[in-house]
């Protein structure tokens, strides 16, 4: 399938790739290049599809990784990457960025005790729990440091549904607004600052 969304707004590009190809089909796009090997075929497929998606945005961009393991670009812009099952999301911005994409499911509800506290203002249902997880994961990726406690440092204050599609959070006593998109049965949450 390949590219399913490419959205550019306010110096930010959001791109999503749906993986329908096999690993061998994707490798054909990289015939003359050395391909990084992974123990998992799924991980290698995600890695290669991420590079194909990046080429759709800008053929001159290359990814490296910083000391925190976060991706960086060769053009002084910021990038964040997320994958879930068959979707890969990339957000590129002139500002520091974090993104997460998740399938709307019971998964977030099942592990809510690990990332939600009584201070999070949301309904305990599949959608809002998934949005809360995505929001907290997006901030974690944006922050790029390991000293975050999802329950104590990130509090969901409000989820504004369509047409706003905003999540208001308190992160270490700073008010932050995140954007989100609903893509079929997935949520994508991103934050640029």
N, C-alpha and C. Protein backbone atom coordinates (compact mmCIF):
# COMPACT_ATOMS: atom_id res chain seq x y z
N UNK A 1 0.83 -1.19 0.00
CA UNK A 1 0.00 0.00 0.00
C UNK A 1 0.87 1.24 0.00
N UNK A 2 1.81 1.34 0.93
CA UNK A 2 2.70 2.49 0.97
C UNK A 2 2.08 3.69 1.65
N UNK A 3 2.40 4.87 1.13
CA UNK A 3 1.98 6.13 1.73
C UNK A 3 0.46 6.25 1.74
N UNK A 4 -0.11 6.49 2.94
CA UNK A 4 -1.55 6.70 2.99
C UNK A 4 -1.91 8.12 3.42
N UNK A 5 -1.01 8.80 4.11
CA UNK A 5 -1.27 10.19 4.50
C UNK A 5 0.04 10.96 4.42
N UNK A 6 -0.01 12.12 3.82
CA UNK A 6 1.09 13.08 3.89
C UNK A 6 0.42 14.43 4.10
N UNK A 7 0.62 14.97 5.28
CA UNK A 7 -0.04 16.21 5.67
C UNK A 7 1.04 17.20 6.10
N UNK A 8 1.01 18.38 5.52
CA UNK A 8 1.97 19.41 5.89
C UNK A 8 1.21 20.62 6.42
N UNK A 9 1.64 21.06 7.62
CA UNK A 9 1.01 22.22 8.23
C UNK A 9 1.99 22.86 9.21
N UNK A 10 1.96 24.17 9.31
CA UNK A 10 2.77 24.91 10.28
C UNK A 10 4.20 24.37 10.43
N UNK A 11 4.93 24.27 9.35
CA UNK A 11 6.31 23.78 9.38
C UNK A 11 6.44 22.37 9.94
N UNK A 12 5.39 21.57 9.80
CA UNK A 12 5.38 20.19 10.28
C UNK A 12 4.85 19.28 9.18
N UNK A 13 5.52 18.16 8.97
CA UNK A 13 5.05 17.16 8.02
C UNK A 13 4.70 15.89 8.79
N UNK A 14 3.51 15.36 8.51
CA UNK A 14 3.05 14.11 9.13
C UNK A 14 2.84 13.12 8.00
N UNK A 15 3.48 11.96 8.13
CA UNK A 15 3.35 10.95 7.08
C UNK A 15 3.08 9.59 7.71
N UNK A 16 2.22 8.81 7.05
CA UNK A 16 1.87 7.49 7.55
C UNK A 16 1.98 6.49 6.40
N UNK A 17 2.58 5.36 6.70
CA UNK A 17 2.78 4.28 5.73
C UNK A 17 2.04 3.05 6.23
N UNK A 18 1.25 2.45 5.36
CA UNK A 18 0.62 1.19 5.70
C UNK A 18 1.45 0.07 5.09
N UNK A 19 1.91 -0.85 5.94
CA UNK A 19 2.73 -1.96 5.48
C UNK A 19 1.82 -3.08 4.98
N UNK A 20 1.82 -3.27 3.67
CA UNK A 20 1.09 -4.39 3.08
C UNK A 20 2.07 -5.26 2.29
N UNK A 21 3.29 -4.76 2.10
CA UNK A 21 4.29 -5.44 1.31
C UNK A 21 5.04 -6.47 2.18
N UNK A 22 5.62 -7.45 1.53
CA UNK A 22 6.48 -8.41 2.22
C UNK A 22 7.86 -7.78 2.39
N UNK A 23 8.67 -8.39 3.24
CA UNK A 23 10.03 -7.91 3.44
C UNK A 23 10.82 -7.95 2.13
N UNK A 24 10.65 -9.02 1.34
CA UNK A 24 11.37 -9.11 0.06
C UNK A 24 10.94 -8.02 -0.92
N UNK A 25 9.67 -7.69 -0.95
CA UNK A 25 9.19 -6.61 -1.82
C UNK A 25 9.81 -5.28 -1.42
N UNK A 26 9.88 -5.03 -0.12
CA UNK A 26 10.47 -3.78 0.37
C UNK A 26 11.98 -3.75 0.09
N UNK A 27 12.64 -4.88 0.27
CA UNK A 27 14.09 -4.93 0.02
C UNK A 27 14.42 -4.57 -1.43
N UNK A 28 13.51 -4.82 -2.36
CA UNK A 28 13.76 -4.48 -3.77
C UNK A 28 13.99 -2.98 -3.97
N UNK A 29 13.47 -2.16 -3.09
CA UNK A 29 13.69 -0.71 -3.17
C UNK A 29 15.10 -0.32 -2.73
N UNK A 30 15.82 -1.25 -2.13
CA UNK A 30 17.15 -0.96 -1.57
C UNK A 30 18.22 -1.86 -2.21
N UNK A 31 18.05 -2.24 -3.48
CA UNK A 31 18.93 -3.22 -4.13
C UNK A 31 20.40 -2.83 -4.11
N UNK A 32 20.71 -1.58 -4.29
CA UNK A 32 22.11 -1.15 -4.37
C UNK A 32 22.65 -0.61 -3.05
N UNK A 33 21.92 -0.84 -1.98
CA UNK A 33 22.34 -0.31 -0.69
C UNK A 33 22.55 -1.44 0.31
N UNK A 34 23.45 -1.20 1.24
CA UNK A 34 23.65 -2.16 2.32
C UNK A 34 22.48 -2.02 3.29
N UNK A 35 21.84 -3.14 3.63
CA UNK A 35 20.65 -3.12 4.48
C UNK A 35 21.02 -3.59 5.88
N UNK A 36 20.65 -2.79 6.87
CA UNK A 36 20.90 -3.16 8.26
C UNK A 36 20.08 -4.41 8.61
N UNK A 37 20.72 -5.34 9.26
CA UNK A 37 20.04 -6.60 9.63
C UNK A 37 19.50 -6.52 11.05
N UNK A 38 18.38 -7.18 11.28
CA UNK A 38 17.75 -7.26 12.58
C UNK A 38 17.43 -8.72 12.88
N UNK A 39 17.31 -9.06 14.15
CA UNK A 39 16.93 -10.42 14.54
C UNK A 39 15.50 -10.73 14.11
N UNK A 40 14.65 -9.72 14.09
CA UNK A 40 13.24 -9.89 13.76
C UNK A 40 12.95 -9.38 12.35
N UNK A 41 12.24 -10.19 11.55
CA UNK A 41 11.83 -9.73 10.22
C UNK A 41 10.87 -8.56 10.32
N UNK A 42 10.01 -8.59 11.34
CA UNK A 42 9.07 -7.49 11.55
C UNK A 42 9.81 -6.18 11.80
N UNK A 43 10.85 -6.22 12.64
CA UNK A 43 11.63 -5.02 12.94
C UNK A 43 12.37 -4.52 11.71
N UNK A 44 12.91 -5.44 10.90
CA UNK A 44 13.60 -5.03 9.68
C UNK A 44 12.62 -4.40 8.69
N UNK A 45 11.43 -4.96 8.58
CA UNK A 45 10.41 -4.40 7.71
C UNK A 45 10.03 -2.99 8.16
N UNK A 46 9.84 -2.79 9.46
CA UNK A 46 9.53 -1.46 9.99
C UNK A 46 10.65 -0.48 9.68
N UNK A 47 11.89 -0.91 9.88
CA UNK A 47 13.05 -0.06 9.64
C UNK A 47 13.09 0.39 8.18
N UNK A 48 12.94 -0.56 7.25
CA UNK A 48 13.01 -0.24 5.82
C UNK A 48 11.82 0.61 5.37
N UNK A 49 10.63 0.30 5.86
CA UNK A 49 9.45 1.10 5.48
C UNK A 49 9.56 2.52 6.02
N UNK A 50 10.19 2.67 7.17
CA UNK A 50 10.42 4.02 7.71
C UNK A 50 11.30 4.81 6.76
N UNK A 51 12.33 4.17 6.23
CA UNK A 51 13.23 4.86 5.28
C UNK A 51 12.51 5.19 3.98
N UNK A 52 11.65 4.29 3.51
CA UNK A 52 10.86 4.59 2.30
C UNK A 52 9.92 5.76 2.54
N UNK A 53 9.30 5.78 3.69
CA UNK A 53 8.39 6.87 4.03
C UNK A 53 9.15 8.20 4.10
N UNK A 54 10.33 8.18 4.69
CA UNK A 54 11.16 9.38 4.75
C UNK A 54 11.51 9.88 3.36
N UNK A 55 11.80 8.96 2.43
CA UNK A 55 12.09 9.35 1.05
C UNK A 55 10.90 10.03 0.38
N UNK A 56 9.68 9.61 0.75
CA UNK A 56 8.48 10.25 0.19
C UNK A 56 8.37 11.70 0.65
N UNK A 57 8.87 11.98 1.84
CA UNK A 57 8.83 13.34 2.37
C UNK A 57 9.93 14.18 1.75
N UNK A 58 11.15 13.63 1.76
CA UNK A 58 12.31 14.36 1.23
C UNK A 58 13.43 13.35 0.97
N UNK A 59 13.81 13.18 -0.28
CA UNK A 59 14.81 12.17 -0.66
C UNK A 59 16.19 12.44 -0.08
N UNK A 60 16.46 13.65 0.36
CA UNK A 60 17.79 14.00 0.87
C UNK A 60 17.94 13.76 2.37
N UNK A 61 16.86 13.36 3.04
CA UNK A 61 16.93 13.19 4.49
C UNK A 61 17.50 11.83 4.86
N UNK A 62 18.32 11.83 5.92
CA UNK A 62 18.88 10.61 6.47
C UNK A 62 18.70 10.63 7.98
N UNK A 63 18.51 9.44 8.55
CA UNK A 63 18.30 9.30 9.99
C UNK A 63 19.57 8.76 10.66
N UNK A 64 19.93 9.40 11.78
CA UNK A 64 20.92 8.86 12.70
C UNK A 64 20.25 8.83 14.07
N UNK A 65 20.96 8.36 15.09
CA UNK A 65 20.37 8.26 16.43
C UNK A 65 21.27 8.94 17.45
N UNK A 66 20.65 9.69 18.38
CA UNK A 66 21.42 10.38 19.41
C UNK A 66 21.72 9.47 20.60
N UNK A 67 22.33 10.02 21.64
CA UNK A 67 22.75 9.20 22.79
C UNK A 67 21.57 8.61 23.56
N UNK A 68 20.37 9.15 23.37
CA UNK A 68 19.17 8.60 24.02
C UNK A 68 18.47 7.56 23.14
N UNK A 69 19.01 7.34 21.94
CA UNK A 69 18.39 6.40 21.01
C UNK A 69 17.29 7.02 20.18
N UNK A 70 17.14 8.33 20.27
CA UNK A 70 16.10 9.04 19.51
C UNK A 70 16.63 9.37 18.11
N UNK A 71 15.76 9.29 17.10
CA UNK A 71 16.20 9.59 15.73
C UNK A 71 16.48 11.07 15.54
N UNK A 72 17.45 11.34 14.68
CA UNK A 72 17.80 12.72 14.30
C UNK A 72 17.94 12.77 12.78
N UNK A 73 17.76 13.97 12.23
CA UNK A 73 17.89 14.17 10.78
C UNK A 73 19.16 14.93 10.45
N UNK A 74 19.58 14.83 9.20
CA UNK A 74 20.80 15.48 8.74
C UNK A 74 20.57 16.92 8.27
N UNK A 75 19.38 17.48 8.50
CA UNK A 75 19.10 18.84 8.01
C UNK A 75 18.69 19.81 9.12
N UNK A 76 18.98 19.48 10.36
CA UNK A 76 18.66 20.31 11.54
C UNK A 76 17.18 20.39 11.86
N UNK A 77 16.34 19.61 11.19
CA UNK A 77 14.96 19.50 11.59
C UNK A 77 14.85 18.37 12.61
N UNK A 78 13.71 18.26 13.24
CA UNK A 78 13.47 17.23 14.24
C UNK A 78 12.54 16.17 13.67
N UNK A 79 12.70 14.93 14.15
CA UNK A 79 11.89 13.82 13.67
C UNK A 79 11.48 12.94 14.85
N UNK A 80 10.30 12.37 14.75
CA UNK A 80 9.87 11.34 15.68
C UNK A 80 9.19 10.25 14.85
N UNK A 81 9.35 9.00 15.30
CA UNK A 81 8.87 7.84 14.56
C UNK A 81 8.08 6.95 15.50
N UNK A 82 7.01 6.36 14.98
CA UNK A 82 6.24 5.39 15.76
C UNK A 82 5.70 4.33 14.83
N UNK A 83 5.56 3.10 15.33
CA UNK A 83 4.91 2.04 14.54
C UNK A 83 3.99 1.22 15.41
N UNK A 84 2.97 0.70 14.78
CA UNK A 84 2.04 -0.22 15.41
C UNK A 84 1.51 -1.16 14.35
N UNK A 85 1.61 -2.42 14.60
CA UNK A 85 1.15 -3.45 13.66
C UNK A 85 1.53 -3.12 12.23
N UNK A 86 0.60 -2.61 11.45
CA UNK A 86 0.84 -2.37 10.02
C UNK A 86 1.01 -0.90 9.65
N UNK A 87 1.10 0.01 10.64
CA UNK A 87 1.25 1.42 10.34
C UNK A 87 2.55 1.98 10.91
N UNK A 88 3.15 2.88 10.13
CA UNK A 88 4.34 3.60 10.57
C UNK A 88 4.01 5.08 10.43
N UNK A 89 4.36 5.86 11.45
CA UNK A 89 4.13 7.30 11.42
C UNK A 89 5.45 8.03 11.62
N UNK A 90 5.62 9.10 10.86
CA UNK A 90 6.77 9.99 11.01
C UNK A 90 6.22 11.41 11.11
N UNK A 91 6.77 12.16 12.04
CA UNK A 91 6.49 13.59 12.10
C UNK A 91 7.84 14.31 12.05
N UNK A 92 7.93 15.27 11.14
CA UNK A 92 9.14 16.08 10.99
C UNK A 92 8.73 17.54 11.20
N UNK A 93 9.55 18.27 11.95
CA UNK A 93 9.20 19.65 12.27
C UNK A 93 10.46 20.48 12.47
N UNK A 94 10.28 21.80 12.40
CA UNK A 94 11.37 22.72 12.74
C UNK A 94 11.53 22.79 14.26
N UNK A 95 10.55 22.27 14.98
CA UNK A 95 10.59 22.25 16.44
C UNK A 95 10.75 20.81 16.91
N UNK A 96 11.22 20.64 18.13
CA UNK A 96 11.35 19.31 18.72
C UNK A 96 9.98 18.63 18.71
N UNK A 97 9.95 17.33 18.42
CA UNK A 97 8.68 16.65 18.17
C UNK A 97 8.65 15.26 18.80
N UNK A 98 7.45 14.83 19.17
CA UNK A 98 7.21 13.47 19.65
C UNK A 98 5.92 12.95 19.03
N UNK A 99 5.89 11.68 18.64
CA UNK A 99 4.69 11.09 18.03
C UNK A 99 4.50 9.68 18.55
N UNK A 100 3.24 9.27 18.65
CA UNK A 100 2.92 7.88 18.93
C UNK A 100 1.66 7.52 18.16
N UNK A 101 1.64 6.30 17.64
CA UNK A 101 0.46 5.78 16.95
C UNK A 101 0.13 4.43 17.57
N UNK A 102 -1.15 4.23 17.87
CA UNK A 102 -1.58 3.00 18.53
C UNK A 102 -2.94 2.55 17.98
N UNK A 103 -3.11 1.26 17.94
CA UNK A 103 -4.39 0.66 17.62
C UNK A 103 -5.33 0.88 18.81
N UNK A 104 -6.55 1.30 18.54
CA UNK A 104 -7.54 1.46 19.61
C UNK A 104 -7.96 0.06 20.04
N UNK A 105 -7.65 -0.28 21.29
CA UNK A 105 -7.93 -1.63 21.77
C UNK A 105 -8.01 -1.63 23.30
N UNK A 106 -8.23 -2.81 23.85
CA UNK A 106 -8.28 -2.99 25.30
C UNK A 106 -6.90 -2.92 25.94
N UNK A 107 -5.84 -2.95 25.14
CA UNK A 107 -4.47 -3.02 25.65
C UNK A 107 -4.18 -1.93 26.69
N UNK A 108 -4.51 -0.68 26.37
CA UNK A 108 -4.23 0.42 27.31
C UNK A 108 -5.02 0.26 28.60
N UNK A 109 -6.26 -0.21 28.50
CA UNK A 109 -7.06 -0.44 29.71
C UNK A 109 -6.45 -1.53 30.58
N UNK A 110 -5.90 -2.55 29.95
CA UNK A 110 -5.33 -3.67 30.71
C UNK A 110 -4.09 -3.26 31.50
N UNK A 111 -3.34 -2.28 31.01
CA UNK A 111 -2.11 -1.85 31.69
C UNK A 111 -2.23 -0.46 32.31
N UNK A 112 -3.46 0.01 32.49
CA UNK A 112 -3.69 1.38 32.96
C UNK A 112 -2.98 1.69 34.27
N UNK A 113 -2.80 0.70 35.14
CA UNK A 113 -2.15 0.94 36.43
C UNK A 113 -0.68 1.34 36.27
N UNK A 114 -0.10 1.07 35.12
CA UNK A 114 1.30 1.41 34.87
C UNK A 114 1.50 2.84 34.40
N UNK A 115 0.43 3.47 33.84
CA UNK A 115 0.64 4.81 33.29
C UNK A 115 -0.44 5.83 33.66
N UNK A 116 -1.56 5.40 34.22
CA UNK A 116 -2.62 6.33 34.62
C UNK A 116 -2.66 6.48 36.13
N UNK A 117 -3.03 7.68 36.58
CA UNK A 117 -3.21 7.92 38.01
C UNK A 117 -4.60 8.52 38.22
N UNK A 118 -4.96 8.69 39.46
CA UNK A 118 -6.26 9.30 39.78
C UNK A 118 -6.31 10.77 39.35
N UNK A 119 -5.16 11.36 39.02
CA UNK A 119 -5.11 12.75 38.56
C UNK A 119 -5.41 12.90 37.07
N UNK A 120 -5.46 11.80 36.34
CA UNK A 120 -5.77 11.86 34.91
C UNK A 120 -7.27 12.00 34.73
N UNK A 121 -7.66 13.05 34.01
CA UNK A 121 -9.08 13.35 33.80
C UNK A 121 -9.54 12.76 32.47
N UNK A 122 -10.01 11.52 32.54
CA UNK A 122 -10.50 10.88 31.33
C UNK A 122 -11.47 9.77 31.70
N UNK A 123 -12.22 9.36 30.71
CA UNK A 123 -13.13 8.23 30.89
C UNK A 123 -12.32 6.95 30.67
N UNK A 124 -12.53 5.98 31.51
CA UNK A 124 -11.79 4.72 31.36
C UNK A 124 -12.48 3.82 30.34
N UNK A 125 -12.29 4.18 29.07
CA UNK A 125 -12.78 3.36 27.96
C UNK A 125 -11.63 3.16 26.98
N UNK A 126 -11.82 2.34 25.98
CA UNK A 126 -10.75 2.03 25.02
C UNK A 126 -10.17 3.27 24.36
N UNK A 127 -11.04 4.14 23.87
CA UNK A 127 -10.57 5.29 23.12
C UNK A 127 -9.76 6.25 23.98
N UNK A 128 -10.31 6.67 25.11
CA UNK A 128 -9.60 7.65 25.93
C UNK A 128 -8.36 7.06 26.58
N UNK A 129 -8.40 5.78 26.93
CA UNK A 129 -7.19 5.15 27.48
C UNK A 129 -6.09 5.07 26.42
N UNK A 130 -6.47 4.74 25.19
CA UNK A 130 -5.49 4.70 24.10
C UNK A 130 -4.93 6.09 23.84
N UNK A 131 -5.80 7.11 23.83
CA UNK A 131 -5.33 8.49 23.64
C UNK A 131 -4.38 8.91 24.76
N UNK A 132 -4.71 8.54 25.99
CA UNK A 132 -3.85 8.89 27.13
C UNK A 132 -2.48 8.24 26.98
N UNK A 133 -2.45 6.95 26.60
CA UNK A 133 -1.17 6.28 26.38
C UNK A 133 -0.38 6.98 25.29
N UNK A 134 -1.03 7.27 24.16
CA UNK A 134 -0.35 7.95 23.04
C UNK A 134 0.19 9.31 23.47
N UNK A 135 -0.59 10.06 24.23
CA UNK A 135 -0.16 11.38 24.68
C UNK A 135 1.09 11.27 25.55
N UNK A 136 1.07 10.35 26.50
CA UNK A 136 2.20 10.20 27.41
C UNK A 136 3.43 9.69 26.67
N UNK A 137 3.24 8.78 25.74
CA UNK A 137 4.36 8.27 24.94
C UNK A 137 4.93 9.36 24.03
N UNK A 138 4.07 10.22 23.47
CA UNK A 138 4.53 11.32 22.62
C UNK A 138 5.40 12.30 23.42
N UNK A 139 4.97 12.61 24.62
CA UNK A 139 5.76 13.52 25.47
C UNK A 139 7.09 12.86 25.84
N UNK A 140 7.07 11.57 26.16
CA UNK A 140 8.29 10.85 26.47
C UNK A 140 9.29 10.94 25.30
N UNK A 141 8.80 10.72 24.09
CA UNK A 141 9.67 10.79 22.91
C UNK A 141 10.16 12.21 22.67
N UNK A 142 9.30 13.18 22.91
CA UNK A 142 9.69 14.59 22.75
C UNK A 142 10.76 14.97 23.76
N UNK A 143 10.59 14.56 24.99
CA UNK A 143 11.49 14.92 26.10
C UNK A 143 12.87 14.27 25.94
N UNK A 144 12.92 13.04 25.46
CA UNK A 144 14.15 12.31 25.15
C UNK A 144 15.08 12.07 26.35
N UNK A 145 14.53 12.04 27.53
CA UNK A 145 15.31 11.72 28.71
C UNK A 145 14.55 10.65 29.48
N UNK A 146 15.25 9.87 30.24
CA UNK A 146 14.61 8.73 30.89
C UNK A 146 13.97 9.06 32.24
N UNK A 147 14.10 10.27 32.71
CA UNK A 147 13.59 10.59 34.05
C UNK A 147 12.12 11.05 34.04
N UNK A 148 11.26 10.27 33.39
CA UNK A 148 9.83 10.58 33.37
C UNK A 148 9.07 9.45 34.05
N UNK A 149 8.18 9.84 34.94
CA UNK A 149 7.24 8.91 35.54
C UNK A 149 5.89 9.20 34.90
N UNK A 150 5.39 8.28 34.08
CA UNK A 150 4.15 8.51 33.34
C UNK A 150 2.98 8.87 34.25
N UNK A 151 2.93 8.29 35.43
CA UNK A 151 1.80 8.53 36.34
C UNK A 151 1.90 9.87 37.06
N UNK A 152 3.11 10.25 37.47
CA UNK A 152 3.28 11.46 38.27
C UNK A 152 3.61 12.70 37.45
N UNK A 153 4.39 12.54 36.40
CA UNK A 153 4.88 13.71 35.65
C UNK A 153 3.96 14.16 34.52
N UNK A 154 3.11 13.27 34.03
CA UNK A 154 2.24 13.62 32.90
C UNK A 154 0.79 13.37 33.32
N UNK A 155 0.03 14.44 33.42
CA UNK A 155 -1.38 14.33 33.83
C UNK A 155 -2.28 14.78 32.69
N UNK A 156 -3.23 13.94 32.34
CA UNK A 156 -4.21 14.29 31.31
C UNK A 156 -5.24 15.22 31.96
N UNK A 157 -5.34 16.45 31.48
CA UNK A 157 -6.29 17.42 32.03
C UNK A 157 -7.61 17.40 31.28
N UNK A 158 -7.54 17.18 29.95
CA UNK A 158 -8.75 17.25 29.15
C UNK A 158 -8.48 16.66 27.76
N UNK A 159 -9.47 15.95 27.23
CA UNK A 159 -9.41 15.46 25.85
C UNK A 159 -10.55 16.13 25.10
N UNK A 160 -10.18 16.95 24.11
CA UNK A 160 -11.17 17.65 23.29
C UNK A 160 -11.34 16.88 22.00
N UNK A 161 -12.54 16.40 21.78
CA UNK A 161 -12.81 15.57 20.60
C UNK A 161 -13.12 16.46 19.39
N UNK A 162 -13.41 15.81 18.28
CA UNK A 162 -13.66 16.46 17.00
C UNK A 162 -14.61 17.64 17.16
N UNK A 163 -14.37 18.76 16.54
CA UNK A 163 -13.37 19.00 15.49
C UNK A 163 -12.00 19.44 16.03
N UNK A 164 -11.86 19.67 17.34
CA UNK A 164 -10.59 20.17 17.89
C UNK A 164 -9.47 19.15 17.83
N UNK A 165 -9.74 17.94 18.31
CA UNK A 165 -8.74 16.88 18.39
C UNK A 165 -7.47 17.34 19.11
N UNK A 166 -7.65 17.75 20.36
CA UNK A 166 -6.55 18.23 21.21
C UNK A 166 -6.58 17.47 22.53
N UNK A 167 -5.40 17.31 23.11
CA UNK A 167 -5.28 16.73 24.44
C UNK A 167 -4.49 17.73 25.28
N UNK A 168 -5.09 18.17 26.37
CA UNK A 168 -4.45 19.12 27.26
C UNK A 168 -3.83 18.34 28.41
N UNK A 169 -2.50 18.50 28.60
CA UNK A 169 -1.81 17.79 29.67
C UNK A 169 -0.99 18.76 30.51
N UNK A 170 -0.68 18.30 31.71
CA UNK A 170 0.28 18.97 32.56
C UNK A 170 1.51 18.08 32.58
N UNK A 171 2.63 18.61 32.10
CA UNK A 171 3.88 17.86 32.10
C UNK A 171 4.88 18.57 33.00
N UNK A 172 5.16 17.96 34.14
CA UNK A 172 6.09 18.54 35.11
C UNK A 172 5.72 20.00 35.39
N UNK A 173 4.43 20.24 35.63
CA UNK A 173 3.86 21.54 35.97
C UNK A 173 3.89 22.55 34.82
N UNK A 174 3.97 22.08 33.60
CA UNK A 174 3.86 22.94 32.42
C UNK A 174 2.65 22.50 31.62
N UNK A 175 1.82 23.45 31.22
CA UNK A 175 0.63 23.16 30.43
C UNK A 175 1.03 22.94 28.96
N UNK A 176 0.59 21.82 28.41
CA UNK A 176 0.95 21.45 27.03
C UNK A 176 -0.32 20.99 26.31
N UNK A 177 -0.42 21.36 25.04
CA UNK A 177 -1.52 20.92 24.18
C UNK A 177 -0.94 20.03 23.07
N UNK A 178 -1.48 18.82 22.97
CA UNK A 178 -1.07 17.88 21.92
C UNK A 178 -2.19 17.77 20.89
N UNK A 179 -1.82 17.46 19.66
CA UNK A 179 -2.79 17.24 18.59
C UNK A 179 -2.94 15.75 18.37
N UNK A 180 -4.12 15.35 17.88
CA UNK A 180 -4.28 13.95 17.52
C UNK A 180 -5.16 13.80 16.29
N UNK A 181 -4.94 12.66 15.61
CA UNK A 181 -5.73 12.28 14.45
C UNK A 181 -6.28 10.88 14.70
N UNK A 182 -7.47 10.62 14.21
CA UNK A 182 -7.99 9.26 14.22
C UNK A 182 -7.89 8.75 12.80
N UNK A 183 -7.16 7.63 12.64
CA UNK A 183 -6.92 7.05 11.33
C UNK A 183 -7.46 5.63 11.38
N UNK A 184 -8.61 5.43 10.76
CA UNK A 184 -9.32 4.15 10.84
C UNK A 184 -9.50 3.78 12.31
N UNK A 185 -8.91 2.70 12.75
CA UNK A 185 -9.06 2.26 14.14
C UNK A 185 -7.77 2.50 14.95
N UNK A 186 -7.07 3.59 14.61
CA UNK A 186 -5.84 3.98 15.29
C UNK A 186 -5.93 5.45 15.72
N UNK A 187 -5.16 5.79 16.75
CA UNK A 187 -4.94 7.18 17.11
C UNK A 187 -3.47 7.52 16.90
N UNK A 188 -3.22 8.68 16.34
CA UNK A 188 -1.90 9.24 16.22
C UNK A 188 -1.90 10.53 17.04
N UNK A 189 -0.99 10.63 17.99
CA UNK A 189 -0.86 11.83 18.83
C UNK A 189 0.53 12.40 18.60
N UNK A 190 0.61 13.73 18.42
CA UNK A 190 1.91 14.35 18.22
C UNK A 190 1.99 15.67 18.95
N UNK A 191 3.22 16.06 19.24
CA UNK A 191 3.50 17.27 19.98
C UNK A 191 4.77 17.91 19.44
N UNK A 192 4.70 19.20 19.10
CA UNK A 192 5.86 19.95 18.61
C UNK A 192 6.04 21.20 19.48
N UNK A 193 7.26 21.39 19.94
CA UNK A 193 7.56 22.62 20.70
C UNK A 193 9.04 22.86 20.70
